[in-house]
Amino acid sequence: MRRVPVPYDYHLGRTLATLADPGLLLAATDRSGRSNAMTIGWGTVGIVWGKAVFVVLVRPSRFTYGLINDAGEFTVNVPTAEMRHWVGFCGTRSGRDTDKFAALGIRTSPGVLTGTVTIDACPMVYECRSLHHNELIPANLDPAYEARFYGGEDYHRLYYGEILGAYAAPDY
């Protein structure tokens, strides 16, 4: 899909609505060229350190965690409503066991500013370079949320990705 550069906040409300339902596709490619996409339903966009930043949360148990740690970058791909089954598939399979791109026939292209793939069918893409990451601190988390989302294990790492480029299909 042809995309053109747009401001990071272009249709940001649409991106955040899709994040909430059905989710966005976070992609990463390590330095050896292995790529994966996973579904994310938590994240945010804002200004940190004077930069446009996409903050994503990834659990250490996820295959994508290692890819982001290796490469220090990721893309956030906004799917269409017709891609709901892709979002479901990428959220229920591990890249350790399944080449999700091959299984779904997902075509990818290299990022413009990163070495991480973008998903061709997604009309909106954010290319990000990790500026910082930190571990979620269980002791600082509301106990109700700890019990509901963690149960004492597999706490997320938050990646603060500088948005190097945002791209949208001309008709998006």
C-alpha atoms as a PDB file:
ATOM      1  CA  MET A   1       0.000   0.000   0.000  1.00  0.00           C
ATOM      2  CA  ARG A   2       1.309   3.408  -0.875  1.00  0.00           C
ATOM      3  CA  ARG A   3       1.573   5.737   2.110  1.00  0.00           C
ATOM      4  CA  VAL A   4       2.614   9.354   2.477  1.00  0.00           C
ATOM      5  CA  PRO A   5       4.291  11.066   5.436  1.00  0.00           C
ATOM      6  CA  VAL A   6       1.809  12.654   7.856  1.00  0.00           C
ATOM      7  CA  PRO A   7       2.123  14.395  11.243  1.00  0.00           C
ATOM      8  CA  TYR A   8       2.305  11.933  14.154  1.00  0.00           C
ATOM      9  CA  ASP A   9      -1.099  13.125  15.403  1.00  0.00           C
ATOM     10  CA  TYR A  10      -2.849  12.585  12.066  1.00  0.00           C
ATOM     11  CA  HIS A  11      -6.077  10.709  12.878  1.00  0.00           C
ATOM     12  CA  LEU A  12      -4.692  10.016  16.359  1.00  0.00           C
ATOM     13  CA  GLY A  13      -8.204   9.550  17.736  1.00  0.00           C
ATOM     14  CA  ARG A  14      -8.753   6.836  15.156  1.00  0.00           C
ATOM     15  CA  THR A  15      -5.496   5.124  16.138  1.00  0.00           C
ATOM     16  CA  LEU A  16      -6.412   5.171  19.829  1.00  0.00           C
ATOM     17  CA  ALA A  17      -9.934   3.893  19.109  1.00  0.00           C
ATOM     18  CA  THR A  18      -8.442   0.997  17.134  1.00  0.00           C
ATOM     19  CA  LEU A  19      -5.961   0.349  19.968  1.00  0.00           C
ATOM     20  CA  ALA A  20      -8.951  -0.171  22.270  1.00  0.00           C
ATOM     21  CA  ASP A  21     -10.838  -2.354  19.770  1.00  0.00           C
ATOM     22  CA  PRO A  22      -9.698  -4.568  18.137  1.00  0.00           C
ATOM     23  CA  GLY A  23      -6.038  -3.648  18.803  1.00  0.00           C
ATOM     24  CA  LEU A  24      -2.977  -2.544  16.874  1.00  0.00           C
ATOM     25  CA  LEU A  25      -0.244  -4.664  15.328  1.00  0.00           C
ATOM     26  CA  LEU A  26       3.184  -4.092  16.865  1.00  0.00           C
ATOM     27  CA  ALA A  27       5.970  -5.339  14.605  1.00  0.00           C
ATOM     28  CA  ALA A  28       9.666  -5.793  15.267  1.00  0.00           C
ATOM     29  CA  THR A  29      12.614  -7.103  13.280  1.00  0.00           C
ATOM     30  CA  ASP A  30      15.831  -8.137  14.978  1.00  0.00           C
ATOM     31  CA  ARG A  31      19.291  -7.550  13.529  1.00  0.00           C
ATOM     32  CA  SER A  32      19.341 -11.022  11.956  1.00  0.00           C
ATOM     33  CA  GLY A  33      16.162 -10.218   9.994  1.00  0.00           C
ATOM     34  CA  ARG A  34      13.612 -12.208  12.013  1.00  0.00           C
ATOM     35  CA  SER A  35      10.300 -10.362  12.160  1.00  0.00           C
ATOM     36  CA  ASN A  36       7.102 -10.797  14.113  1.00  0.00           C
ATOM     37  CA  ALA A  37       3.850  -8.999  14.740  1.00  0.00           C
ATOM     38  CA  MET A  38       1.846  -9.112  17.931  1.00  0.00           C
ATOM     39  CA  THR A  39      -1.442  -7.545  18.925  1.00  0.00           C
ATOM     40  CA  ILE A  40      -1.384  -4.723  21.456  1.00  0.00           C
ATOM     41  CA  GLY A  41      -4.346  -3.241  23.264  1.00  0.00           C
ATOM     42  CA  TRP A  42      -2.431  -1.005  25.653  1.00  0.00           C
ATOM     43  CA  GLY A  43      -0.302   1.995  24.764  1.00  0.00           C
ATOM     44  CA  THR A  44      -0.377   5.727  24.383  1.00  0.00           C
ATOM     45  CA  VAL A  45       0.959   8.568  22.266  1.00  0.00           C
ATOM     46  CA  GLY A  46       2.254  11.872  23.580  1.00  0.00           C
ATOM     47  CA  ILE A  47       5.189  14.186  24.013  1.00  0.00           C
ATOM     48  CA  VAL A  48       8.101  13.033  26.179  1.00  0.00           C
ATOM     49  CA  TRP A  49      11.462  14.807  26.291  1.00  0.00           C
ATOM     50  CA  GLY A  50      10.210  17.147  23.576  1.00  0.00           C
ATOM     51  CA  LYS A  51       9.656  14.231  21.174  1.00  0.00           C
ATOM     52  CA  ALA A  52       6.536  12.587  19.792  1.00  0.00           C
ATOM     53  CA  VAL A  53       6.524   9.186  21.492  1.00  0.00           C
ATOM     54  CA  PHE A  54       4.482   5.995  21.172  1.00  0.00           C
ATOM     55  CA  VAL A  55       4.627   4.047  24.447  1.00  0.00           C
ATOM     56  CA  VAL A  56       3.916   0.330  24.050  1.00  0.00           C
ATOM     57  CA  LEU A  57       3.765  -2.392  26.696  1.00  0.00           C
ATOM     58  CA  VAL A  58       5.296  -5.802  26.001  1.00  0.00           C
ATOM     59  CA  ARG A  59       5.582  -8.731  28.397  1.00  0.00           C
ATOM     60  CA  PRO A  60       8.964 -10.506  28.681  1.00  0.00           C
ATOM     61  CA  SER A  61       7.260 -13.778  27.742  1.00  0.00           C
ATOM     62  CA  ARG A  62       6.404 -12.460  24.271  1.00  0.00           C
ATOM     63  CA  PHE A  63       8.609 -13.332  21.300  1.00  0.00           C
ATOM     64  CA  THR A  64       8.499  -9.700  20.142  1.00  0.00           C
ATOM     65  CA  TYR A  65      10.115  -8.595  23.420  1.00  0.00           C
ATOM     66  CA  GLY A  66      13.434 -10.098  22.363  1.00  0.00           C
ATOM     67  CA  LEU A  67      13.198  -8.645  18.865  1.00  0.00           C
ATOM     68  CA  ILE A  68      12.652  -5.108  20.183  1.00  0.00           C
ATOM     69  CA  ASN A  69      15.449  -5.500  22.712  1.00  0.00           C
ATOM     70  CA  ASP A  70      17.808  -6.643  19.949  1.00  0.00           C
ATOM     71  CA  ALA A  71      16.965  -3.968  17.375  1.00  0.00           C
ATOM     72  CA  GLY A  72      15.865  -1.081  19.598  1.00  0.00           C
ATOM     73  CA  GLU A  73      13.013  -0.203  17.277  1.00  0.00           C
ATOM     74  CA  PHE A  74       9.482  -1.191  16.316  1.00  0.00           C
ATOM     75  CA  THR A  75       6.556  -0.214  14.147  1.00  0.00           C
ATOM     76  CA  VAL A  76       2.961   0.257  15.182  1.00  0.00           C
ATOM     77  CA  ASN A  77       0.574  -0.694  12.388  1.00  0.00           C
ATOM     78  CA  VAL A  78      -3.083   0.379  12.432  1.00  0.00           C
ATOM     79  CA  PRO A  79      -5.297  -2.301  10.862  1.00  0.00           C
ATOM     80  CA  THR A  80      -8.592  -1.806   9.077  1.00  0.00           C
ATOM     81  CA  ALA A  81     -11.872  -3.275  10.323  1.00  0.00           C
ATOM     82  CA  GLU A  82     -11.507  -5.967   7.655  1.00  0.00           C
ATOM     83  CA  MET A  83      -8.252  -7.089   9.282  1.00  0.00           C
ATOM     84  CA  ARG A  84      -9.897  -8.019  12.593  1.00  0.00           C
ATOM     85  CA  HIS A  85      -9.041 -11.696  12.010  1.00  0.00           C
ATOM     86  CA  TRP A  86      -5.344 -10.750  11.620  1.00  0.00           C
ATOM     87  CA  VAL A  87      -5.464  -8.954  14.953  1.00  0.00           C
ATOM     88  CA  GLY A  88      -7.060 -11.996  16.592  1.00  0.00           C
ATOM     89  CA  PHE A  89      -4.550 -14.392  15.055  1.00  0.00           C
ATOM     90  CA  CYS A  90      -1.511 -12.259  15.969  1.00  0.00           C
ATOM     91  CA  GLY A  91      -2.826 -11.979  19.519  1.00  0.00           C
ATOM     92  CA  THR A  92      -3.259 -15.710  20.043  1.00  0.00           C
ATOM     93  CA  ARG A  93      -0.184 -17.246  18.372  1.00  0.00           C
ATOM     94  CA  SER A  94       3.475 -16.955  19.288  1.00  0.00           C
ATOM     95  CA  GLY A  95       6.084 -15.964  16.742  1.00  0.00           C
ATOM     96  CA  ARG A  96       8.313 -18.620  18.328  1.00  0.00           C
ATOM     97  CA  ASP A  97       6.048 -21.294  16.842  1.00  0.00           C
ATOM     98  CA  THR A  98       4.345 -19.623  13.886  1.00  0.00           C
ATOM     99  CA  ASP A  99       5.437 -17.328  11.074  1.00  0.00           C
ATOM    100  CA  LYS A 100       2.341 -15.166  11.345  1.00  0.00           C
ATOM    101  CA  PHE A 101       3.103 -13.268   8.156  1.00  0.00           C
ATOM    102  CA  ALA A 102       3.286 -16.488   6.111  1.00  0.00           C
ATOM    103  CA  ALA A 103       0.304 -18.086   7.852  1.00  0.00           C
ATOM    104  CA  LEU A 104      -1.950 -15.131   7.039  1.00  0.00           C
ATOM    105  CA  GLY A 105      -0.364 -14.126   3.746  1.00  0.00           C
ATOM    106  CA  ILE A 106       0.577 -10.759   5.234  1.00  0.00           C
ATOM    107  CA  ARG A 107       2.838  -8.758   2.980  1.00  0.00           C
ATOM    108  CA  THR A 108       5.418  -6.522   4.600  1.00  0.00           C
ATOM    109  CA  SER A 109       7.831  -3.856   3.478  1.00  0.00           C
ATOM    110  CA  PRO A 110      10.933  -2.443   5.133  1.00  0.00           C
ATOM    111  CA  GLY A 111      10.406   0.707   7.145  1.00  0.00           C
ATOM    112  CA  VAL A 112      11.417   4.000   5.603  1.00  0.00           C
ATOM    113  CA  LEU A 113      13.483   5.102   8.617  1.00  0.00           C
ATOM    114  CA  THR A 114      13.943   1.830  10.511  1.00  0.00           C
ATOM    115  CA  GLY A 115      14.992  -1.724   9.752  1.00  0.00           C
ATOM    116  CA  THR A 116      11.683  -3.024  11.079  1.00  0.00           C
ATOM    117  CA  VAL A 117       8.936  -4.215   8.762  1.00  0.00           C
ATOM    118  CA  THR A 118       5.656  -2.442   8.209  1.00  0.00           C
ATOM    119  CA  ILE A 119       2.461  -4.269   7.312  1.00  0.00           C
ATOM    120  CA  ASP A 120       1.503  -3.335   3.762  1.00  0.00           C
ATOM    121  CA  ALA A 121      -2.278  -3.589   4.217  1.00  0.00           C
ATOM    122  CA  CYS A 122      -2.340  -1.238   7.219  1.00  0.00           C
ATOM    123  CA  PRO A 123      -3.370   2.277   6.180  1.00  0.00           C
ATOM    124  CA  MET A 124      -1.475   3.965   9.036  1.00  0.00           C
ATOM    125  CA  VAL A 125       1.999   3.133  10.351  1.00  0.00           C
ATOM    126  CA  TYR A 126       4.285   4.631  12.997  1.00  0.00           C
ATOM    127  CA  GLU A 127       8.025   3.904  12.836  1.00  0.00           C
ATOM    128  CA  CYS A 128       9.647   4.155  16.262  1.00  0.00           C
ATOM    129  CA  ARG A 129      13.111   4.044  17.814  1.00  0.00           C
ATOM    130  CA  SER A 130      13.263   3.066  21.461  1.00  0.00           C
ATOM    131  CA  LEU A 131      14.492   6.012  23.536  1.00  0.00           C
ATOM    132  CA  HIS A 132      13.969   4.351  26.886  1.00  0.00           C
ATOM    133  CA  HIS A 133      12.377   1.352  28.504  1.00  0.00           C
ATOM    134  CA  ASN A 134      11.462   0.533  32.044  1.00  0.00           C
ATOM    135  CA  GLU A 135       9.888  -2.329  33.884  1.00  0.00           C
ATOM    136  CA  LEU A 136       6.498  -1.996  35.453  1.00  0.00           C
ATOM    137  CA  ILE A 137       7.013  -1.794  39.216  1.00  0.00           C
ATOM    138  CA  PRO A 138       4.526  -4.139  40.897  1.00  0.00           C
ATOM    139  CA  ALA A 139       4.749  -2.365  44.282  1.00  0.00           C
ATOM    140  CA  ASN A 140       3.597   0.876  42.630  1.00  0.00           C
ATOM    141  CA  LEU A 141       0.625  -0.683  40.842  1.00  0.00           C
ATOM    142  CA  ASP A 142      -2.906  -0.447  42.201  1.00  0.00           C
ATOM    143  CA  PRO A 143      -3.475  -3.854  43.875  1.00  0.00           C
ATOM    144  CA  ALA A 144      -6.747  -4.375  42.007  1.00  0.00           C
ATOM    145  CA  TYR A 145      -4.945  -3.970  38.666  1.00  0.00           C
ATOM    146  CA  GLU A 146      -2.088  -6.204  39.771  1.00  0.00           C
ATOM    147  CA  ALA A 147      -4.555  -8.947  40.667  1.00  0.00           C
ATOM    148  CA  ARG A 148      -6.641  -8.487  37.518  1.00  0.00           C
ATOM    149  CA  PHE A 149      -3.838  -8.245  34.943  1.00  0.00           C
ATOM    150  CA  TYR A 150      -0.754  -9.922  36.442  1.00  0.00           C
ATOM    151  CA  GLY A 151      -1.342 -12.197  39.405  1.00  0.00           C
ATOM    152  CA  GLY A 152       2.254 -11.793  40.502  1.00  0.00           C
ATOM    153  CA  GLU A 153       4.022 -12.546  37.215  1.00  0.00           C
ATOM    154  CA  ASP A 154       5.042 -11.491  33.687  1.00  0.00           C
ATOM    155  CA  TYR A 155       4.974  -7.734  34.247  1.00  0.00           C
ATOM    156  CA  HIS A 156       5.208  -5.548  31.164  1.00  0.00           C
ATOM    157  CA  ARG A 157       8.176  -3.567  29.967  1.00  0.00           C
ATOM    158  CA  LEU A 158       7.224  -0.103  28.709  1.00  0.00           C
ATOM    159  CA  TYR A 159       9.048   1.001  25.566  1.00  0.00           C
ATOM    160  CA  TYR A 160       9.131   4.718  24.838  1.00  0.00           C
ATOM    161  CA  GLY A 161       9.482   4.841  21.065  1.00  0.00           C
ATOM    162  CA  GLU A 162      10.330   8.139  19.413  1.00  0.00           C
ATOM    163  CA  ILE A 163       8.030   8.401  16.408  1.00  0.00           C
ATOM    164  CA  LEU A 164      10.564   8.852  13.619  1.00  0.00           C
ATOM    165  CA  GLY A 165       7.896   8.832  10.944  1.00  0.00           C
ATOM    166  CA  ALA A 166       4.150   8.441  10.591  1.00  0.00           C
ATOM    167  CA  TYR A 167       2.683   7.359   7.270  1.00  0.00           C
ATOM    168  CA  ALA A 168      -0.862   7.049   6.014  1.00  0.00           C
ATOM    169  CA  ALA A 169      -2.571   5.860   2.864  1.00  0.00           C
ATOM    170  CA  PRO A 170      -3.675   8.893   0.830  1.00  0.00           C
ATOM    171  CA  ASP A 171      -7.348   7.966   1.298  1.00  0.00           C
ATOM    172  CA  TYR A 172      -7.080   7.260   5.041  1.00  0.00           C
END
